[in-house]
Amino acid sequence: MTVAVQTGLTNLKNYLTRQGFNVVNFGNYPYKIDAVVYKGLTATLMMSCSPSHGGSILFVDCSGKTPFQVAEILRNKLYSPLF
């Protein structure tokens, strides 16, 4: 799974790499990505992530989540139920 990580999330990026994910810098990778990990929602982020290579992209807001929780979300390809 190729995961684009927002600039500034170095510790999370390193953790995901150690967990076996193919981690790239968000905005600097011209190929297909499977997920985007970011902190806080911005319109720029959403606009720059159209799935031009087909398929869908999982967006994960890592605010308030541990690196382990983010990795589990990526592995399961979904968030836990809210209720």
Protein backbone atom coordinates (compact mmCIF):
# COMPACT_ATOMS: atom_id res chain seq x y z
CA MET A 1 0.00 0.00 0.00
CA THR A 2 1.36 3.41 -0.97
CA VAL A 3 0.61 6.07 1.63
CA ALA A 4 1.19 9.79 1.11
CA VAL A 5 1.93 11.57 4.38
CA GLN A 6 1.54 15.31 4.94
CA THR A 7 4.73 17.30 5.56
CA GLY A 8 5.63 17.64 9.22
CA LEU A 9 4.44 14.20 10.34
CA THR A 10 7.94 12.75 10.40
CA ASN A 11 7.50 10.43 13.40
CA LEU A 12 4.34 8.95 11.90
CA LYS A 13 6.01 8.60 8.52
CA ASN A 14 8.93 6.73 10.07
CA TYR A 15 6.59 4.45 12.04
CA LEU A 16 4.53 3.55 8.97
CA THR A 17 7.71 2.82 7.00
CA ARG A 18 8.88 0.46 9.75
CA GLN A 19 5.47 -1.24 9.58
CA GLY A 20 6.02 -2.06 5.90
CA PHE A 21 4.00 0.65 4.18
CA ASN A 22 5.39 2.35 1.08
CA VAL A 23 5.42 5.91 2.45
CA VAL A 24 5.85 8.93 0.18
CA ASN A 25 5.70 12.69 0.71
CA PHE A 26 2.29 14.15 0.01
CA GLY A 27 2.30 16.30 -3.11
CA ASN A 28 5.63 15.04 -4.45
CA TYR A 29 4.64 11.62 -5.77
CA PRO A 30 3.17 11.54 -9.30
CA TYR A 31 1.97 7.92 -9.19
CA LYS A 32 -1.05 6.15 -7.75
CA ILE A 33 -1.48 6.36 -4.00
CA ASP A 34 -3.83 4.29 -1.88
CA ALA A 35 -4.15 6.56 1.14
CA VAL A 36 -3.38 10.04 2.44
CA VAL A 37 -2.54 10.69 6.08
CA TYR A 38 -2.97 14.28 7.20
CA LYS A 39 -3.55 16.35 10.30
CA GLY A 40 -6.48 18.73 10.11
CA LEU A 41 -8.59 19.20 7.01
CA THR A 42 -7.73 21.73 4.34
CA ALA A 43 -9.45 22.44 1.04
CA THR A 44 -6.06 22.34 -0.71
CA LEU A 45 -5.52 18.78 0.44
CA MET A 46 -8.85 17.58 -0.85
CA MET A 47 -8.54 19.39 -4.19
CA SER A 48 -5.07 18.01 -4.91
CA CYS A 49 -6.01 14.37 -4.39
CA SER A 50 -8.29 13.47 -7.24
CA PRO A 51 -7.86 9.77 -8.00
CA SER A 52 -6.62 10.35 -11.55
CA HIS A 53 -5.18 6.85 -11.68
CA GLY A 54 -8.54 5.22 -11.05
CA GLY A 55 -9.83 3.67 -7.87
CA SER A 56 -10.30 5.46 -4.59
CA ILE A 57 -8.12 7.05 -1.93
CA LEU A 58 -8.51 6.50 1.81
CA PHE A 59 -8.13 9.77 3.74
CA VAL A 60 -6.98 9.39 7.35
CA ASP A 61 -6.95 12.36 9.73
CA CYS A 62 -4.34 11.39 12.30
CA SER A 63 -5.42 14.04 14.81
CA GLY A 64 -5.80 12.39 18.21
CA LYS A 65 -4.63 8.99 16.94
CA THR A 66 -1.51 7.05 17.83
CA PRO A 67 0.77 5.79 15.05
CA PHE A 68 -0.47 2.27 15.86
CA GLN A 69 -4.10 3.34 15.37
CA VAL A 70 -3.28 4.98 12.03
CA ALA A 71 -1.49 1.83 10.86
CA GLU A 72 -4.51 -0.30 11.84
CA ILE A 73 -6.85 2.00 9.91
CA LEU A 74 -4.62 1.67 6.86
CA ARG A 75 -4.39 -2.12 7.21
CA ASN A 76 -8.16 -2.46 7.55
CA LYS A 77 -8.79 0.25 4.93
CA LEU A 78 -11.53 1.81 7.07
CA TYR A 79 -12.25 3.74 10.23
CA SER A 80 -13.87 2.12 13.26
CA PRO A 81 -17.60 2.68 13.67
CA LEU A 82 -18.51 5.91 15.44
CA PHE A 83 -21.12 4.26 17.66
